[in-house]
Amino acid sequence: MGHPPAEDLSDHIVLVGLGKIGTRVLAQLRTTAHQVVVIERDLHARGVALARELGVPLLLEDAGAPGVLDRARIRQSKSLLVLTRDDGENLDIVMAARESNPQVRVVMRLYDDDFAATVSRTLPPRTPTPRPAAAACPPWPRRPSRPP
């Protein structure tokens, strides 16, 4: 169904979730020089056809299942984008990825503002490696926080 990344792939982006946002992010990333590996558990997700059309390595599995991040070569990746609809699942995936690759740059989608604030306060930050600004993804608008 999907196809795994090449054994020698490194310095790539792992993208988890091909819903509305994940599909838009994948399309944008493919206009750059970034190599991408996608993980999506739903065969019928919006972006699966696009990933196949673009020839992007695609793992049709649950990113939280043992070994899936390893098959996406998370240890050799430079960035992880976790864009599923489940805040808890997103955090679990990020924590598992950081265990394998403590230096991975992470972008995590969180819906609940209170949960996002807690994660922001407690998730240990990674010391960023300087990268050229042109290598960064375009910023996505952030929802305003709710008042306390």
N, C-alpha and C. Protein backbone atom coordinates (compact mmCIF):
# COMPACT_ATOMS: atom_id res chain seq x y z
N MET A 1 0.83 -1.19 0.00
CA MET A 1 0.00 0.00 0.00
C MET A 1 0.87 1.25 0.00
N GLY A 2 1.64 1.50 1.07
CA GLY A 2 2.57 2.62 1.11
C GLY A 2 3.95 2.11 0.76
N HIS A 3 4.90 3.00 0.75
CA HIS A 3 6.27 2.54 0.55
C HIS A 3 7.19 3.27 1.53
N PRO A 4 8.08 2.52 2.18
CA PRO A 4 8.97 3.08 3.20
C PRO A 4 10.08 3.92 2.57
N PRO A 5 10.72 4.74 3.38
CA PRO A 5 11.84 5.54 2.86
C PRO A 5 13.05 4.67 2.57
N ALA A 6 13.95 5.20 1.77
CA ALA A 6 15.20 4.52 1.45
C ALA A 6 16.03 4.36 2.72
N GLU A 7 16.80 3.30 2.78
CA GLU A 7 17.62 3.00 3.96
C GLU A 7 18.67 4.08 4.24
N ASP A 8 19.08 4.82 3.22
CA ASP A 8 20.13 5.83 3.42
C ASP A 8 19.58 7.24 3.57
N LEU A 9 18.26 7.39 3.68
CA LEU A 9 17.66 8.71 3.83
C LEU A 9 18.05 9.34 5.17
N SER A 10 18.41 10.62 5.12
CA SER A 10 18.71 11.35 6.36
C SER A 10 18.44 12.83 6.13
N ASP A 11 18.40 13.58 7.22
CA ASP A 11 18.19 15.03 7.20
C ASP A 11 16.86 15.38 6.52
N HIS A 12 15.85 14.57 6.78
CA HIS A 12 14.53 14.74 6.18
C HIS A 12 13.52 15.20 7.22
N ILE A 13 12.31 15.44 6.77
CA ILE A 13 11.20 15.82 7.64
C ILE A 13 10.22 14.66 7.71
N VAL A 14 9.83 14.30 8.92
CA VAL A 14 8.79 13.30 9.11
C VAL A 14 7.49 14.05 9.39
N LEU A 15 6.48 13.79 8.59
CA LEU A 15 5.17 14.44 8.70
C LEU A 15 4.16 13.39 9.12
N VAL A 16 3.50 13.61 10.25
CA VAL A 16 2.49 12.68 10.76
C VAL A 16 1.12 13.32 10.61
N GLY A 17 0.26 12.69 9.84
CA GLY A 17 -1.11 13.16 9.67
C GLY A 17 -1.33 13.82 8.32
N LEU A 18 -2.23 13.25 7.54
CA LEU A 18 -2.54 13.80 6.22
C LEU A 18 -4.00 14.22 6.12
N GLY A 19 -4.47 14.91 7.15
CA GLY A 19 -5.79 15.51 7.08
C GLY A 19 -5.69 16.81 6.29
N LYS A 20 -6.59 17.73 6.57
CA LYS A 20 -6.63 19.00 5.84
C LYS A 20 -5.30 19.77 5.97
N ILE A 21 -4.83 19.96 7.20
CA ILE A 21 -3.61 20.73 7.43
C ILE A 21 -2.38 19.96 6.94
N GLY A 22 -2.29 18.69 7.28
CA GLY A 22 -1.14 17.89 6.87
C GLY A 22 -0.99 17.83 5.35
N THR A 23 -2.10 17.76 4.65
CA THR A 23 -2.05 17.73 3.19
C THR A 23 -1.54 19.05 2.64
N ARG A 24 -2.00 20.16 3.21
CA ARG A 24 -1.52 21.48 2.77
C ARG A 24 -0.03 21.64 3.06
N VAL A 25 0.39 21.17 4.22
CA VAL A 25 1.81 21.26 4.58
C VAL A 25 2.64 20.41 3.62
N LEU A 26 2.20 19.19 3.32
CA LEU A 26 2.92 18.33 2.39
C LEU A 26 3.06 19.01 1.03
N ALA A 27 1.98 19.57 0.53
CA ALA A 27 2.02 20.24 -0.78
C ALA A 27 3.02 21.39 -0.74
N GLN A 28 3.05 22.15 0.34
CA GLN A 28 3.98 23.27 0.46
C GLN A 28 5.42 22.78 0.56
N LEU A 29 5.65 21.75 1.36
CA LEU A 29 7.01 21.22 1.52
C LEU A 29 7.57 20.71 0.20
N ARG A 30 6.72 20.14 -0.63
CA ARG A 30 7.20 19.60 -1.91
C ARG A 30 7.58 20.70 -2.89
N THR A 31 7.27 21.96 -2.59
CA THR A 31 7.73 23.06 -3.44
C THR A 31 9.12 23.51 -3.02
N THR A 32 9.67 22.88 -2.00
CA THR A 32 11.01 23.20 -1.50
C THR A 32 11.93 22.02 -1.78
N ALA A 33 13.15 22.14 -1.32
CA ALA A 33 14.12 21.05 -1.53
C ALA A 33 14.07 20.01 -0.41
N HIS A 34 13.15 20.13 0.52
CA HIS A 34 13.07 19.20 1.64
C HIS A 34 12.62 17.81 1.19
N GLN A 35 13.24 16.80 1.77
CA GLN A 35 12.77 15.43 1.59
C GLN A 35 11.80 15.15 2.72
N VAL A 36 10.73 14.45 2.43
CA VAL A 36 9.66 14.22 3.40
C VAL A 36 9.31 12.73 3.44
N VAL A 37 9.03 12.25 4.65
CA VAL A 37 8.45 10.92 4.87
C VAL A 37 7.14 11.16 5.60
N VAL A 38 6.07 10.52 5.14
CA VAL A 38 4.75 10.72 5.72
C VAL A 38 4.29 9.46 6.44
N ILE A 39 3.66 9.68 7.60
CA ILE A 39 3.00 8.59 8.33
C ILE A 39 1.53 8.96 8.46
N GLU A 40 0.67 8.08 8.02
CA GLU A 40 -0.78 8.27 8.11
C GLU A 40 -1.43 6.92 8.31
N ARG A 41 -2.28 6.80 9.33
CA ARG A 41 -2.88 5.49 9.60
C ARG A 41 -4.14 5.22 8.80
N ASP A 42 -4.78 6.27 8.27
CA ASP A 42 -6.03 6.10 7.54
C ASP A 42 -5.77 6.05 6.03
N LEU A 43 -5.97 4.90 5.45
CA LEU A 43 -5.76 4.70 4.02
C LEU A 43 -6.55 5.69 3.18
N HIS A 44 -7.69 6.16 3.71
CA HIS A 44 -8.58 7.05 2.97
C HIS A 44 -8.42 8.51 3.36
N ALA A 45 -7.38 8.86 4.10
CA ALA A 45 -7.15 10.25 4.50
C ALA A 45 -6.98 11.12 3.26
N ARG A 46 -7.33 12.36 3.42
CA ARG A 46 -7.32 13.34 2.34
C ARG A 46 -6.02 13.37 1.54
N GLY A 47 -4.86 13.32 2.20
CA GLY A 47 -3.59 13.52 1.53
C GLY A 47 -2.88 12.28 1.04
N VAL A 48 -3.44 11.09 1.26
CA VAL A 48 -2.77 9.86 0.84
C VAL A 48 -2.57 9.85 -0.67
N ALA A 49 -3.57 10.24 -1.43
CA ALA A 49 -3.45 10.26 -2.89
C ALA A 49 -2.36 11.24 -3.33
N LEU A 50 -2.30 12.39 -2.67
CA LEU A 50 -1.26 13.37 -3.01
C LEU A 50 0.13 12.83 -2.72
N ALA A 51 0.31 12.19 -1.57
CA ALA A 51 1.61 11.62 -1.22
C ALA A 51 2.03 10.59 -2.27
N ARG A 52 1.10 9.77 -2.67
CA ARG A 52 1.40 8.76 -3.70
C ARG A 52 1.74 9.42 -5.04
N GLU A 53 0.95 10.42 -5.41
CA GLU A 53 1.17 11.14 -6.67
C GLU A 53 2.56 11.79 -6.69
N LEU A 54 2.98 12.32 -5.55
CA LEU A 54 4.28 13.00 -5.45
C LEU A 54 5.44 12.02 -5.26
N GLY A 55 5.13 10.75 -5.03
CA GLY A 55 6.18 9.75 -4.81
C GLY A 55 6.86 9.89 -3.47
N VAL A 56 6.15 10.46 -2.50
CA VAL A 56 6.70 10.66 -1.16
C VAL A 56 6.64 9.33 -0.41
N PRO A 57 7.72 8.95 0.28
CA PRO A 57 7.66 7.74 1.11
C PRO A 57 6.49 7.85 2.10
N LEU A 58 5.68 6.82 2.15
CA LEU A 58 4.44 6.83 2.91
C LEU A 58 4.32 5.55 3.72
N LEU A 59 4.15 5.71 5.03
CA LEU A 59 3.91 4.58 5.92
C LEU A 59 2.45 4.65 6.35
N LEU A 60 1.65 3.69 5.93
CA LEU A 60 0.24 3.65 6.29
C LEU A 60 0.09 2.86 7.58
N GLU A 61 0.49 3.51 8.67
CA GLU A 61 0.51 2.89 9.99
C GLU A 61 0.23 3.95 11.04
N ASP A 62 0.01 3.51 12.26
CA ASP A 62 -0.17 4.40 13.40
C ASP A 62 1.20 4.84 13.89
N ALA A 63 1.47 6.14 13.85
CA ALA A 63 2.79 6.67 14.24
C ALA A 63 3.12 6.37 15.70
N GLY A 64 2.11 6.11 16.51
CA GLY A 64 2.34 5.81 17.91
C GLY A 64 2.66 4.35 18.18
N ALA A 65 2.52 3.50 17.17
CA ALA A 65 2.79 2.06 17.35
C ALA A 65 4.30 1.83 17.38
N PRO A 66 4.73 0.85 18.15
CA PRO A 66 6.17 0.56 18.24
C PRO A 66 6.81 0.32 16.87
N GLY A 67 7.94 0.94 16.65
CA GLY A 67 8.72 0.73 15.44
C GLY A 67 8.37 1.60 14.25
N VAL A 68 7.22 2.26 14.27
CA VAL A 68 6.80 3.04 13.11
C VAL A 68 7.69 4.26 12.91
N LEU A 69 7.98 4.99 13.98
CA LEU A 69 8.87 6.14 13.84
C LEU A 69 10.27 5.70 13.39
N ASP A 70 10.69 4.53 13.86
CA ASP A 70 11.99 4.01 13.42
C ASP A 70 11.97 3.73 11.91
N ARG A 71 10.86 3.18 11.40
CA ARG A 71 10.76 2.91 9.97
C ARG A 71 10.75 4.20 9.15
N ALA A 72 10.30 5.29 9.77
CA ALA A 72 10.32 6.60 9.11
C ALA A 72 11.70 7.25 9.23
N ARG A 73 12.64 6.55 9.89
CA ARG A 73 14.02 6.99 10.08
C ARG A 73 14.08 8.27 10.92
N ILE A 74 13.31 8.27 12.02
CA ILE A 74 13.26 9.44 12.89
C ILE A 74 14.64 9.78 13.46
N ARG A 75 15.47 8.78 13.71
CA ARG A 75 16.81 9.04 14.26
C ARG A 75 17.67 9.87 13.31
N GLN A 76 17.41 9.74 12.02
CA GLN A 76 18.20 10.45 11.01
C GLN A 76 17.51 11.71 10.50
N SER A 77 16.31 12.01 11.02
CA SER A 77 15.55 13.16 10.52
C SER A 77 15.98 14.45 11.20
N LYS A 78 15.67 15.56 10.56
CA LYS A 78 15.98 16.86 11.14
C LYS A 78 14.75 17.48 11.80
N SER A 79 13.56 17.11 11.33
CA SER A 79 12.33 17.72 11.85
C SER A 79 11.18 16.73 11.87
N LEU A 80 10.25 17.01 12.77
CA LEU A 80 9.04 16.21 12.92
C LEU A 80 7.86 17.16 12.98
N LEU A 81 6.88 16.94 12.13
CA LEU A 81 5.64 17.71 12.14
C LEU A 81 4.51 16.75 12.51
N VAL A 82 3.87 16.97 13.64
CA VAL A 82 2.81 16.08 14.10
C VAL A 82 1.50 16.86 14.03
N LEU A 83 0.64 16.47 13.08
CA LEU A 83 -0.52 17.27 12.74
C LEU A 83 -1.84 16.50 12.81
N THR A 84 -1.94 15.51 13.71
CA THR A 84 -3.20 14.78 13.84
C THR A 84 -4.19 15.62 14.64
N ARG A 85 -5.39 15.13 14.76
CA ARG A 85 -6.45 15.86 15.48
C ARG A 85 -6.50 15.56 16.97
N ASP A 86 -5.63 14.70 17.45
CA ASP A 86 -5.68 14.25 18.85
C ASP A 86 -4.48 14.81 19.61
N ASP A 87 -4.74 15.77 20.51
CA ASP A 87 -3.67 16.42 21.27
C ASP A 87 -2.81 15.42 22.05
N GLY A 88 -3.45 14.50 22.74
CA GLY A 88 -2.71 13.51 23.54
C GLY A 88 -1.86 12.61 22.67
N GLU A 89 -2.42 12.18 21.56
CA GLU A 89 -1.67 11.34 20.62
C GLU A 89 -0.48 12.12 20.05
N ASN A 90 -0.69 13.38 19.72
CA ASN A 90 0.39 14.21 19.19
C ASN A 90 1.54 14.30 20.19
N LEU A 91 1.21 14.53 21.44
CA LEU A 91 2.24 14.63 22.48
C LEU A 91 2.96 13.30 22.65
N ASP A 92 2.23 12.19 22.64
CA ASP A 92 2.85 10.86 22.76
C ASP A 92 3.85 10.62 21.62
N ILE A 93 3.48 11.00 20.42
CA ILE A 93 4.35 10.80 19.26
C ILE A 93 5.61 11.66 19.40
N VAL A 94 5.44 12.90 19.83
CA VAL A 94 6.60 13.78 20.02
C VAL A 94 7.53 13.23 21.08
N MET A 95 6.99 12.76 22.19
CA MET A 95 7.84 12.22 23.26
C MET A 95 8.59 10.98 22.78
N ALA A 96 7.93 10.12 22.02
CA ALA A 96 8.60 8.93 21.50
C ALA A 96 9.70 9.32 20.52
N ALA A 97 9.42 10.31 19.69
CA ALA A 97 10.43 10.76 18.72
C ALA A 97 11.63 11.36 19.43
N ARG A 98 11.38 12.14 20.48
CA ARG A 98 12.48 12.76 21.22
C ARG A 98 13.33 11.72 21.95
N GLU A 99 12.74 10.59 22.31
CA GLU A 99 13.53 9.51 22.92
C GLU A 99 14.52 8.95 21.90
N SER A 100 14.08 8.83 20.66
CA SER A 100 14.94 8.29 19.61
C SER A 100 15.92 9.33 19.07
N ASN A 101 15.48 10.57 19.00
CA ASN A 101 16.28 11.65 18.42
C ASN A 101 16.07 12.92 19.23
N PRO A 102 16.85 13.10 20.31
CA PRO A 102 16.66 14.27 21.17
C PRO A 102 16.86 15.61 20.46
N GLN A 103 17.54 15.62 19.33
CA GLN A 103 17.81 16.86 18.62
C GLN A 103 16.79 17.20 17.53
N VAL A 104 15.79 16.36 17.34
CA VAL A 104 14.81 16.60 16.28
C VAL A 104 14.03 17.88 16.57
N ARG A 105 13.87 18.71 15.55
CA ARG A 105 13.03 19.91 15.64
C ARG A 105 11.58 19.47 15.54
N VAL A 106 10.72 20.00 16.40
CA VAL A 106 9.34 19.52 16.46
C VAL A 106 8.35 20.66 16.26
N VAL A 107 7.34 20.38 15.43
CA VAL A 107 6.16 21.23 15.33
C VAL A 107 4.99 20.30 15.64
N MET A 108 4.21 20.68 16.65
CA MET A 108 3.10 19.84 17.08
C MET A 108 1.81 20.66 17.07
N ARG A 109 0.79 20.09 16.47
CA ARG A 109 -0.51 20.75 16.43
C ARG A 109 -1.27 20.40 17.71
N LEU A 110 -1.74 21.43 18.40
CA LEU A 110 -2.55 21.22 19.60
C LEU A 110 -3.81 22.09 19.49
N TYR A 111 -4.96 21.49 19.75
CA TYR A 111 -6.23 22.20 19.66
C TYR A 111 -6.58 22.92 20.95
N ASP A 112 -6.38 22.26 22.07
CA ASP A 112 -6.80 22.80 23.36
C ASP A 112 -5.76 23.81 23.86
N ASP A 113 -6.16 25.07 24.02
CA ASP A 113 -5.23 26.12 24.42
C ASP A 113 -4.62 25.87 25.80
N ASP A 114 -5.42 25.37 26.74
CA ASP A 114 -4.90 25.10 28.08
C ASP A 114 -3.86 23.98 28.04
N PHE A 115 -4.16 22.93 27.28
CA PHE A 115 -3.22 21.83 27.13
C PHE A 115 -1.94 22.32 26.45
N ALA A 116 -2.10 23.15 25.43
CA ALA A 116 -0.94 23.69 24.72
C ALA A 116 -0.06 24.51 25.66
N ALA A 117 -0.68 25.30 26.54
CA ALA A 117 0.10 26.10 27.48
C ALA A 117 0.85 25.20 28.46
N THR A 118 0.21 24.13 28.92
CA THR A 118 0.87 23.19 29.82
C THR A 118 2.03 22.50 29.13
N VAL A 119 1.82 22.06 27.91
CA VAL A 119 2.89 21.41 27.14
C VAL A 119 4.04 22.38 26.94
N SER A 120 3.73 23.60 26.60
CA SER A 120 4.77 24.60 26.36
C SER A 120 5.62 24.84 27.61
N ARG A 121 4.99 24.80 28.77
CA ARG A 121 5.73 25.01 30.03
C ARG A 121 6.54 23.79 30.44
N THR A 122 6.08 22.59 30.09
CA THR A 122 6.71 21.39 30.63
C THR A 122 7.57 20.59 29.64
N LEU A 123 7.31 20.72 28.34
CA LEU A 123 8.10 19.98 27.37
C LEU A 123 9.49 20.59 27.31
N PRO A 124 10.51 19.78 27.55
CA PRO A 124 11.86 20.34 27.53
C PRO A 124 12.21 20.86 26.14
N PRO A 125 12.64 22.12 26.06
CA PRO A 125 13.00 22.65 24.74
C PRO A 125 14.30 22.04 24.25
N ARG A 126 14.45 22.01 22.97
CA ARG A 126 15.67 21.54 22.35
C ARG A 126 16.48 22.77 21.98
N THR A 127 17.77 22.68 22.17
CA THR A 127 18.62 23.78 21.75
C THR A 127 18.70 23.74 20.23
N PRO A 128 18.19 24.76 19.55
CA PRO A 128 18.13 24.70 18.10
C PRO A 128 19.51 24.78 17.45
N THR A 129 19.64 24.05 16.37
CA THR A 129 20.84 24.14 15.54
C THR A 129 20.58 25.26 14.54
N PRO A 130 21.50 26.19 14.39
CA PRO A 130 21.25 27.28 13.42
C PRO A 130 21.02 26.73 12.02
N ARG A 131 19.97 27.19 11.39
CA ARG A 131 19.64 26.80 10.02
C ARG A 131 19.30 28.06 9.25
N PRO A 132 19.54 28.06 7.95
CA PRO A 132 19.17 29.23 7.16
C PRO A 132 17.66 29.46 7.21
N ALA A 133 17.26 30.71 7.24
CA ALA A 133 15.84 31.03 7.33
C ALA A 133 15.06 30.46 6.15
N ALA A 134 15.69 30.36 4.99
CA ALA A 134 15.00 29.85 3.80
C ALA A 134 14.61 28.39 3.96
N ALA A 135 15.25 27.67 4.88
CA ALA A 135 14.94 26.26 5.06
C ALA A 135 13.70 26.05 5.92
N ALA A 136 13.23 27.08 6.58
CA ALA A 136 12.08 26.96 7.47
C ALA A 136 10.78 26.95 6.67
N CYS A 137 9.78 26.26 7.21
CA CYS A 137 8.47 26.26 6.59
C CYS A 137 7.83 27.63 6.82
N PRO A 138 6.94 28.06 5.96
CA PRO A 138 6.26 29.33 6.20
C PRO A 138 5.43 29.22 7.47
N PRO A 139 5.35 30.32 8.24
CA PRO A 139 4.58 30.25 9.50
C PRO A 139 3.09 30.10 9.22
N TRP A 140 2.45 29.35 10.09
CA TRP A 140 1.00 29.19 10.01
C TRP A 140 0.40 30.08 11.08
N PRO A 141 -0.73 30.71 10.81
CA PRO A 141 -1.33 31.57 11.84
C PRO A 141 -1.69 30.78 13.08
N ARG A 142 -1.45 31.36 14.22
CA ARG A 142 -1.78 30.73 15.49
C ARG A 142 -3.07 31.32 16.01
N ARG A 143 -3.92 30.45 16.53
CA ARG A 143 -5.17 30.94 17.12
C ARG A 143 -4.85 31.76 18.36
N PRO A 144 -5.57 32.82 18.60
CA PRO A 144 -5.34 33.58 19.83
C PRO A 144 -5.69 32.74 21.05
N SER A 145 -4.93 32.91 22.11
CA SER A 145 -5.18 32.18 23.35
C SER A 145 -6.43 32.72 24.02
N ARG A 146 -7.09 31.82 24.74
CA ARG A 146 -8.23 32.25 25.53
C ARG A 146 -7.73 32.95 26.78
N PRO A 147 -8.45 33.94 27.27
CA PRO A 147 -8.03 34.58 28.52
C PRO A 147 -8.07 33.57 29.67
N PRO A 148 -7.18 33.73 30.68
CA PRO A 148 -7.16 32.78 31.81
C PRO A 148 -8.41 32.80 32.63
